[in-house]
N, C-alpha and C. Protein backbone atom coordinates (compact mmCIF):
# COMPACT_ATOMS: atom_id res chain seq x y z
N UNK A 1 138.69 -148.92 132.11
CA UNK A 1 137.25 -149.11 132.05
C UNK A 1 136.55 -147.83 132.53
N UNK A 2 135.53 -147.47 131.84
CA UNK A 2 134.79 -146.25 132.17
C UNK A 2 133.94 -146.46 133.42
N UNK A 3 133.95 -145.46 134.29
CA UNK A 3 133.10 -145.51 135.48
C UNK A 3 131.71 -145.02 135.10
N UNK A 4 130.70 -145.69 135.56
CA UNK A 4 129.32 -145.33 135.23
C UNK A 4 128.56 -145.10 136.51
N UNK A 5 128.43 -143.83 136.94
CA UNK A 5 127.70 -143.55 138.18
C UNK A 5 126.21 -143.79 137.96
N UNK A 6 125.69 -144.79 138.60
CA UNK A 6 124.29 -145.16 138.41
C UNK A 6 123.42 -144.39 139.40
N UNK A 7 122.36 -143.85 138.87
CA UNK A 7 121.37 -143.15 139.69
C UNK A 7 120.35 -144.16 140.18
N UNK A 8 119.52 -143.77 141.15
CA UNK A 8 118.50 -144.70 141.64
C UNK A 8 117.62 -145.24 140.51
N UNK A 9 117.25 -146.47 140.64
CA UNK A 9 116.43 -147.14 139.64
C UNK A 9 115.11 -147.52 140.28
N UNK A 10 114.02 -147.23 139.61
CA UNK A 10 112.70 -147.63 140.09
C UNK A 10 112.17 -148.72 139.17
N UNK A 11 110.98 -149.20 139.42
CA UNK A 11 110.38 -150.20 138.55
C UNK A 11 110.16 -149.66 137.15
N UNK A 12 109.96 -148.36 137.03
CA UNK A 12 109.60 -147.78 135.74
C UNK A 12 110.74 -147.09 135.01
N UNK A 13 111.75 -146.65 135.69
CA UNK A 13 112.68 -145.75 135.04
C UNK A 13 114.07 -145.85 135.63
N UNK A 14 115.03 -145.81 134.76
CA UNK A 14 116.42 -145.69 135.17
C UNK A 14 116.91 -144.37 134.61
N UNK A 15 117.50 -143.54 135.43
CA UNK A 15 117.95 -142.24 134.96
C UNK A 15 119.41 -142.05 135.30
N UNK A 16 120.12 -141.53 134.34
CA UNK A 16 121.52 -141.21 134.55
C UNK A 16 121.73 -139.77 134.13
N UNK A 17 122.20 -138.96 135.04
CA UNK A 17 122.46 -137.55 134.75
C UNK A 17 123.96 -137.31 134.83
N UNK A 18 124.69 -138.00 134.02
CA UNK A 18 126.13 -137.88 134.06
C UNK A 18 126.66 -137.58 132.67
N UNK A 19 127.92 -137.29 132.61
CA UNK A 19 128.54 -136.96 131.34
C UNK A 19 129.24 -138.21 130.80
N UNK A 20 128.45 -139.10 130.27
CA UNK A 20 128.99 -140.33 129.69
C UNK A 20 129.72 -140.03 128.40
N UNK A 21 130.70 -140.86 128.09
CA UNK A 21 131.36 -140.78 126.80
C UNK A 21 131.66 -142.20 126.35
N UNK A 22 131.91 -142.35 125.07
CA UNK A 22 132.14 -143.68 124.52
C UNK A 22 130.82 -144.35 124.20
N UNK A 23 130.76 -145.64 124.38
CA UNK A 23 129.53 -146.37 124.06
C UNK A 23 128.55 -146.37 125.23
N UNK A 24 127.30 -146.62 124.91
CA UNK A 24 126.31 -146.84 125.97
C UNK A 24 126.77 -148.07 126.74
N UNK A 25 126.89 -147.97 128.05
CA UNK A 25 127.43 -149.09 128.82
C UNK A 25 126.60 -150.37 128.65
N UNK A 26 127.27 -151.50 128.47
CA UNK A 26 126.54 -152.76 128.33
C UNK A 26 125.75 -153.13 129.58
N UNK A 27 126.07 -152.52 130.70
CA UNK A 27 125.37 -152.80 131.95
C UNK A 27 123.89 -152.43 131.89
N UNK A 28 123.48 -151.63 130.90
CA UNK A 28 122.05 -151.34 130.79
C UNK A 28 121.26 -152.63 130.62
N UNK A 29 121.87 -153.64 130.05
CA UNK A 29 121.20 -154.92 129.86
C UNK A 29 120.99 -155.69 131.15
N UNK A 30 121.59 -155.21 132.23
CA UNK A 30 121.45 -155.86 133.54
C UNK A 30 120.25 -155.34 134.32
N UNK A 31 119.38 -154.60 133.66
CA UNK A 31 118.19 -154.02 134.30
C UNK A 31 116.95 -154.61 133.64
N UNK A 32 116.69 -155.90 133.85
CA UNK A 32 115.68 -156.60 133.05
C UNK A 32 114.25 -156.09 133.20
N UNK A 33 113.95 -155.38 134.26
CA UNK A 33 112.57 -154.91 134.46
C UNK A 33 112.38 -153.45 134.05
N UNK A 34 113.41 -152.88 133.48
CA UNK A 34 113.35 -151.49 133.04
C UNK A 34 112.28 -151.31 131.97
N UNK A 35 111.47 -150.27 132.11
CA UNK A 35 110.42 -149.98 131.14
C UNK A 35 110.74 -148.78 130.26
N UNK A 36 111.56 -147.86 130.76
CA UNK A 36 111.92 -146.65 130.02
C UNK A 36 113.43 -146.50 130.03
N UNK A 37 113.99 -146.33 128.85
CA UNK A 37 115.43 -146.06 128.74
C UNK A 37 115.61 -144.85 127.85
N UNK A 38 116.25 -143.83 128.40
CA UNK A 38 116.41 -142.59 127.66
C UNK A 38 117.82 -142.05 127.85
N UNK A 39 118.54 -141.97 126.74
CA UNK A 39 119.81 -141.27 126.67
C UNK A 39 119.58 -140.13 125.71
N UNK A 40 119.69 -138.90 126.17
CA UNK A 40 119.29 -137.73 125.38
C UNK A 40 120.32 -136.61 125.56
N UNK A 41 120.70 -136.02 124.45
CA UNK A 41 121.64 -134.90 124.43
C UNK A 41 122.94 -135.23 125.16
N UNK A 42 123.53 -136.33 124.79
CA UNK A 42 124.84 -136.72 125.30
C UNK A 42 125.76 -136.90 124.10
N UNK A 43 126.30 -135.80 123.56
CA UNK A 43 127.04 -135.86 122.30
C UNK A 43 128.33 -136.67 122.35
N UNK A 44 128.80 -137.01 123.54
CA UNK A 44 130.01 -137.81 123.64
C UNK A 44 129.73 -139.31 123.64
N UNK A 45 128.45 -139.68 123.54
CA UNK A 45 128.10 -141.09 123.37
C UNK A 45 128.26 -141.41 121.89
N UNK A 46 129.10 -142.36 121.61
CA UNK A 46 129.38 -142.74 120.23
C UNK A 46 129.23 -144.25 120.09
N UNK A 47 129.60 -144.76 118.97
CA UNK A 47 129.58 -146.19 118.70
C UNK A 47 128.23 -146.60 118.14
N UNK A 48 127.78 -147.78 118.49
CA UNK A 48 126.55 -148.34 117.94
C UNK A 48 125.47 -148.40 119.01
N UNK A 49 124.28 -148.79 118.60
CA UNK A 49 123.20 -149.03 119.56
C UNK A 49 123.57 -150.28 120.35
N UNK A 50 123.61 -150.15 121.65
CA UNK A 50 124.11 -151.20 122.54
C UNK A 50 123.30 -152.50 122.39
N UNK A 51 123.94 -153.60 121.98
CA UNK A 51 123.23 -154.87 121.84
C UNK A 51 122.62 -155.39 123.13
N UNK A 52 123.17 -155.01 124.30
CA UNK A 52 122.64 -155.48 125.58
C UNK A 52 121.21 -155.01 125.82
N UNK A 53 120.76 -154.02 125.07
CA UNK A 53 119.38 -153.54 125.22
C UNK A 53 118.38 -154.65 124.94
N UNK A 54 118.78 -155.63 124.16
CA UNK A 54 117.88 -156.73 123.82
C UNK A 54 117.43 -157.50 125.07
N UNK A 55 118.16 -157.38 126.17
CA UNK A 55 117.80 -158.07 127.42
C UNK A 55 116.67 -157.38 128.18
N UNK A 56 116.26 -156.20 127.73
CA UNK A 56 115.25 -155.42 128.45
C UNK A 56 113.86 -155.78 127.94
N UNK A 57 113.38 -156.93 128.33
CA UNK A 57 112.12 -157.48 127.82
C UNK A 57 110.88 -156.67 128.21
N UNK A 58 110.97 -155.84 129.24
CA UNK A 58 109.83 -155.03 129.68
C UNK A 58 109.87 -153.61 129.13
N UNK A 59 110.90 -153.32 128.35
CA UNK A 59 111.08 -151.96 127.83
C UNK A 59 109.93 -151.57 126.92
N UNK A 60 109.33 -150.40 127.19
CA UNK A 60 108.27 -149.91 126.29
C UNK A 60 108.62 -148.55 125.69
N UNK A 61 109.60 -147.85 126.23
CA UNK A 61 109.99 -146.53 125.73
C UNK A 61 111.50 -146.51 125.57
N UNK A 62 111.97 -146.28 124.35
CA UNK A 62 113.41 -146.26 124.07
C UNK A 62 113.76 -144.98 123.32
N UNK A 63 114.48 -144.10 123.98
CA UNK A 63 114.94 -142.87 123.33
C UNK A 63 116.47 -142.83 123.43
N UNK A 64 117.10 -142.88 122.25
CA UNK A 64 118.53 -142.69 122.11
C UNK A 64 118.69 -141.55 121.11
N UNK A 65 118.53 -140.34 121.58
CA UNK A 65 118.42 -139.18 120.70
C UNK A 65 119.47 -138.13 121.02
N UNK A 66 119.96 -137.49 119.96
CA UNK A 66 120.97 -136.43 120.07
C UNK A 66 122.25 -136.95 120.70
N UNK A 67 122.62 -138.15 120.27
CA UNK A 67 123.90 -138.74 120.64
C UNK A 67 124.74 -138.70 119.36
N UNK A 68 125.78 -139.46 119.30
CA UNK A 68 126.55 -139.59 118.06
C UNK A 68 126.66 -141.07 117.71
N UNK A 69 125.52 -141.74 117.72
CA UNK A 69 125.51 -143.15 117.38
C UNK A 69 125.69 -143.33 115.88
N UNK A 70 126.48 -144.32 115.53
CA UNK A 70 126.72 -144.64 114.13
C UNK A 70 126.31 -146.09 113.90
N UNK A 71 126.33 -146.51 112.69
CA UNK A 71 126.01 -147.88 112.28
C UNK A 71 124.56 -147.97 111.84
N UNK A 72 124.19 -149.08 111.27
CA UNK A 72 122.78 -149.29 110.91
C UNK A 72 121.91 -149.52 112.15
N UNK A 73 120.61 -149.39 111.95
CA UNK A 73 119.65 -149.75 113.01
C UNK A 73 119.68 -151.27 113.14
N UNK A 74 119.92 -151.79 114.32
CA UNK A 74 120.07 -153.24 114.47
C UNK A 74 118.74 -153.98 114.33
N UNK A 75 118.82 -155.19 113.81
CA UNK A 75 117.63 -156.02 113.66
C UNK A 75 117.08 -156.50 115.00
N UNK A 76 117.91 -156.50 116.05
CA UNK A 76 117.44 -157.03 117.33
C UNK A 76 116.30 -156.20 117.92
N UNK A 77 116.04 -155.03 117.38
CA UNK A 77 114.95 -154.19 117.88
C UNK A 77 113.63 -154.97 117.89
N UNK A 78 113.45 -155.87 116.93
CA UNK A 78 112.18 -156.62 116.85
C UNK A 78 111.99 -157.60 117.99
N UNK A 79 112.99 -157.83 118.79
CA UNK A 79 112.86 -158.73 119.94
C UNK A 79 112.28 -158.01 121.17
N UNK A 80 112.17 -156.70 121.10
CA UNK A 80 111.65 -155.91 122.22
C UNK A 80 110.15 -155.69 122.01
N UNK A 81 109.38 -156.74 122.18
CA UNK A 81 107.96 -156.78 121.80
C UNK A 81 107.07 -155.82 122.58
N UNK A 82 107.53 -155.28 123.70
CA UNK A 82 106.71 -154.35 124.47
C UNK A 82 106.92 -152.89 124.09
N UNK A 83 107.83 -152.63 123.15
CA UNK A 83 108.10 -151.25 122.78
C UNK A 83 106.87 -150.59 122.17
N UNK A 84 106.56 -149.41 122.68
CA UNK A 84 105.51 -148.58 122.09
C UNK A 84 106.11 -147.34 121.43
N UNK A 85 107.35 -147.01 121.78
CA UNK A 85 107.97 -145.78 121.28
C UNK A 85 109.46 -146.00 121.08
N UNK A 86 109.95 -145.61 119.90
CA UNK A 86 111.38 -145.62 119.58
C UNK A 86 111.75 -144.24 119.04
N UNK A 87 112.79 -143.65 119.61
CA UNK A 87 113.30 -142.37 119.11
C UNK A 87 114.81 -142.48 118.95
N UNK A 88 115.26 -142.52 117.69
CA UNK A 88 116.68 -142.55 117.37
C UNK A 88 117.08 -141.27 116.62
N UNK A 89 116.38 -140.16 116.84
CA UNK A 89 116.62 -138.94 116.08
C UNK A 89 117.97 -138.29 116.39
N UNK A 90 118.42 -137.46 115.45
CA UNK A 90 119.63 -136.65 115.59
C UNK A 90 120.85 -137.49 115.97
N UNK A 91 121.09 -138.55 115.22
CA UNK A 91 122.30 -139.35 115.37
C UNK A 91 123.01 -139.37 114.03
N UNK A 92 123.87 -140.33 113.86
CA UNK A 92 124.59 -140.53 112.60
C UNK A 92 124.31 -141.93 112.08
N UNK A 93 123.13 -142.46 112.38
CA UNK A 93 122.80 -143.82 111.96
C UNK A 93 122.77 -143.88 110.44
N UNK A 94 123.29 -144.97 109.90
CA UNK A 94 123.39 -145.11 108.45
C UNK A 94 122.81 -146.45 108.03
N UNK A 95 122.84 -146.69 106.74
CA UNK A 95 122.31 -147.94 106.21
C UNK A 95 120.84 -147.80 105.88
N UNK A 96 120.28 -148.89 105.41
CA UNK A 96 118.86 -148.86 105.08
C UNK A 96 118.03 -149.11 106.34
N UNK A 97 116.78 -148.71 106.28
CA UNK A 97 115.89 -148.93 107.42
C UNK A 97 115.46 -150.39 107.39
N UNK A 98 115.73 -151.13 108.45
CA UNK A 98 115.34 -152.55 108.45
C UNK A 98 113.84 -152.71 108.65
N UNK A 99 113.30 -153.85 108.27
CA UNK A 99 111.87 -154.09 108.49
C UNK A 99 111.53 -154.39 109.94
N UNK A 100 112.52 -154.62 110.79
CA UNK A 100 112.28 -155.09 112.16
C UNK A 100 111.32 -154.23 112.98
N UNK A 101 111.33 -152.89 112.89
CA UNK A 101 110.35 -152.14 113.71
C UNK A 101 108.90 -152.49 113.39
N UNK A 102 108.63 -152.88 112.16
CA UNK A 102 107.24 -153.20 111.80
C UNK A 102 106.77 -154.51 112.43
N UNK A 103 107.67 -155.23 113.06
CA UNK A 103 107.33 -156.48 113.74
C UNK A 103 106.97 -156.26 115.21
N UNK A 104 106.91 -155.01 115.62
CA UNK A 104 106.59 -154.69 117.01
C UNK A 104 105.10 -154.38 117.12
N UNK A 105 104.33 -155.27 117.74
CA UNK A 105 102.87 -155.15 117.71
C UNK A 105 102.30 -153.94 118.46
N UNK A 106 103.04 -153.38 119.41
CA UNK A 106 102.51 -152.28 120.22
C UNK A 106 103.07 -150.92 119.82
N UNK A 107 103.94 -150.88 118.82
CA UNK A 107 104.62 -149.64 118.46
C UNK A 107 103.64 -148.61 117.92
N UNK A 108 103.66 -147.41 118.52
CA UNK A 108 102.82 -146.33 117.99
C UNK A 108 103.61 -145.06 117.73
N UNK A 109 104.92 -145.09 117.94
CA UNK A 109 105.77 -143.96 117.63
C UNK A 109 107.14 -144.42 117.19
N UNK A 110 107.55 -144.01 115.98
CA UNK A 110 108.87 -144.37 115.44
C UNK A 110 109.50 -143.10 114.88
N UNK A 111 110.56 -142.64 115.53
CA UNK A 111 111.24 -141.40 115.15
C UNK A 111 112.65 -141.75 114.68
N UNK A 112 112.85 -141.73 113.38
CA UNK A 112 114.15 -142.04 112.79
C UNK A 112 114.72 -140.84 112.04
N UNK A 113 114.11 -139.69 112.18
CA UNK A 113 114.51 -138.52 111.42
C UNK A 113 115.89 -138.00 111.84
N UNK A 114 116.48 -137.24 110.90
CA UNK A 114 117.75 -136.55 111.11
C UNK A 114 118.90 -137.50 111.39
N UNK A 115 119.05 -138.48 110.51
CA UNK A 115 120.16 -139.41 110.53
C UNK A 115 120.77 -139.44 109.14
N UNK A 116 121.45 -140.51 108.83
CA UNK A 116 122.03 -140.69 107.50
C UNK A 116 121.52 -141.99 106.88
N UNK A 117 120.27 -142.29 107.15
CA UNK A 117 119.66 -143.50 106.62
C UNK A 117 119.40 -143.32 105.13
N UNK A 118 119.55 -144.40 104.38
CA UNK A 118 119.35 -144.31 102.94
C UNK A 118 118.62 -145.54 102.43
N UNK A 119 118.29 -145.51 101.17
CA UNK A 119 117.58 -146.62 100.56
C UNK A 119 116.11 -146.31 100.40
N UNK A 120 115.34 -147.34 100.16
CA UNK A 120 113.91 -147.19 99.93
C UNK A 120 113.14 -147.45 101.22
N UNK A 121 111.86 -147.13 101.17
CA UNK A 121 110.97 -147.38 102.31
C UNK A 121 110.72 -148.88 102.43
N UNK A 122 110.85 -149.42 103.61
CA UNK A 122 110.52 -150.84 103.77
C UNK A 122 109.02 -151.06 103.53
N UNK A 123 108.69 -151.96 102.63
CA UNK A 123 107.29 -152.26 102.37
C UNK A 123 106.61 -152.84 103.60
N UNK A 124 107.38 -153.43 104.49
CA UNK A 124 106.81 -153.99 105.72
C UNK A 124 106.21 -152.90 106.61
N UNK A 125 106.56 -151.64 106.40
CA UNK A 125 106.02 -150.57 107.22
C UNK A 125 104.51 -150.44 107.05
N UNK A 126 103.96 -151.00 106.00
CA UNK A 126 102.50 -150.95 105.85
C UNK A 126 101.81 -151.90 106.83
N UNK A 127 102.59 -152.68 107.57
CA UNK A 127 102.04 -153.59 108.58
C UNK A 127 101.89 -152.93 109.95
N UNK A 128 102.30 -151.68 110.08
CA UNK A 128 102.19 -151.00 111.36
C UNK A 128 100.73 -150.86 111.77
N UNK A 129 100.48 -150.79 113.07
CA UNK A 129 99.11 -150.54 113.51
C UNK A 129 98.65 -149.14 113.10
N UNK A 130 97.37 -148.95 113.04
CA UNK A 130 96.81 -147.65 112.69
C UNK A 130 97.18 -146.63 113.76
N UNK A 131 97.33 -145.39 113.34
CA UNK A 131 97.61 -144.31 114.27
C UNK A 131 99.08 -144.10 114.58
N UNK A 132 99.97 -144.77 113.85
CA UNK A 132 101.41 -144.66 114.09
C UNK A 132 101.90 -143.25 113.82
N UNK A 133 102.76 -142.76 114.67
CA UNK A 133 103.47 -141.51 114.45
C UNK A 133 104.83 -141.89 113.87
N UNK A 134 105.05 -141.57 112.59
CA UNK A 134 106.24 -142.00 111.86
C UNK A 134 107.01 -140.78 111.36
N UNK A 135 108.25 -140.65 111.80
CA UNK A 135 109.11 -139.52 111.42
C UNK A 135 110.34 -140.06 110.71
N UNK A 136 110.47 -139.73 109.43
CA UNK A 136 111.59 -140.21 108.62
C UNK A 136 112.35 -139.08 107.93
N UNK A 137 112.03 -137.84 108.21
CA UNK A 137 112.58 -136.70 107.47
C UNK A 137 114.09 -136.56 107.68
N UNK A 138 114.68 -135.82 106.76
CA UNK A 138 116.10 -135.47 106.78
C UNK A 138 117.01 -136.68 106.86
N UNK A 139 116.70 -137.65 106.01
CA UNK A 139 117.56 -138.78 105.74
C UNK A 139 117.83 -138.76 104.24
N UNK A 140 118.29 -139.84 103.70
CA UNK A 140 118.59 -139.91 102.28
C UNK A 140 117.77 -141.03 101.64
N UNK A 141 116.48 -141.04 101.91
CA UNK A 141 115.60 -142.07 101.38
C UNK A 141 115.25 -141.74 99.93
N UNK A 142 115.15 -142.78 99.12
CA UNK A 142 114.84 -142.60 97.71
C UNK A 142 113.71 -143.54 97.30
N UNK A 143 113.21 -143.31 96.12
CA UNK A 143 112.19 -144.20 95.58
C UNK A 143 110.80 -143.79 95.97
N UNK A 144 109.83 -144.50 95.42
CA UNK A 144 108.44 -144.15 95.71
C UNK A 144 108.02 -144.57 97.11
N UNK A 145 107.05 -143.85 97.62
CA UNK A 145 106.41 -144.26 98.87
C UNK A 145 105.50 -145.42 98.52
N UNK A 146 105.57 -146.53 99.24
CA UNK A 146 104.72 -147.68 98.90
C UNK A 146 103.24 -147.28 98.82
N UNK A 147 102.55 -147.77 97.81
CA UNK A 147 101.14 -147.44 97.63
C UNK A 147 100.30 -147.91 98.81
N UNK A 148 100.76 -148.92 99.52
CA UNK A 148 100.03 -149.41 100.69
C UNK A 148 99.95 -148.35 101.79
N UNK A 149 100.86 -147.36 101.77
CA UNK A 149 100.81 -146.29 102.76
C UNK A 149 99.54 -145.46 102.61
N UNK A 150 98.97 -145.43 101.42
CA UNK A 150 97.75 -144.63 101.18
C UNK A 150 96.58 -145.16 102.00
N UNK A 151 96.60 -146.44 102.34
CA UNK A 151 95.51 -147.04 103.11
C UNK A 151 95.74 -146.95 104.62
N UNK A 152 96.89 -146.44 105.00
CA UNK A 152 97.22 -146.38 106.42
C UNK A 152 96.66 -145.12 107.06
N UNK A 153 96.29 -145.24 108.30
CA UNK A 153 95.79 -144.11 109.07
C UNK A 153 96.88 -143.71 110.06
N UNK A 154 97.82 -142.88 109.59
CA UNK A 154 98.91 -142.44 110.44
C UNK A 154 98.41 -141.40 111.43
N UNK A 155 98.93 -141.43 112.65
CA UNK A 155 98.70 -140.34 113.57
C UNK A 155 99.45 -139.11 113.08
N UNK A 156 100.63 -139.35 112.50
CA UNK A 156 101.45 -138.30 111.92
C UNK A 156 102.49 -138.98 111.05
N UNK A 157 102.77 -138.40 109.89
CA UNK A 157 103.76 -138.97 108.96
C UNK A 157 104.61 -137.83 108.45
N UNK A 158 105.87 -137.79 108.87
CA UNK A 158 106.78 -136.73 108.44
C UNK A 158 107.86 -137.33 107.57
N UNK A 159 107.95 -136.83 106.35
CA UNK A 159 108.87 -137.40 105.39
C UNK A 159 109.91 -136.40 104.90
N UNK A 160 109.54 -135.16 104.73
CA UNK A 160 110.46 -134.17 104.15
C UNK A 160 111.38 -133.57 105.17
């Protein structure tokens, strides 16, 4: 079993400055009041997005960036209703983009760029609140951009 040296945890933030490898430890789900979870530039983190994250009901900021996560984006993301920001950039995530992020009422930043996502744009993305910062570039998306996007007021929309 991998040892996970836990750093001090406050009401707002849990920080780990260690050289983790393998999967994101399921113990992250044991921090129910966590508001910010950030794993960044840890190239030895592999596997999938940890399902235990669904237990973090107070989470509003989720950054799992520059890891080596594989698999599709899980549908359980839509259960994290307090999320305002998701960053899954620079991974190896694959599959189509699920509609689940569009079910998050407070989301104002979604960064899915630089993965291996493919398929068409979810039409449900036109349900996002106005001012969304949406980054989808450097994936393998095909097909037309939904016409409903023309009526949206994005804070920023990066596609290429």
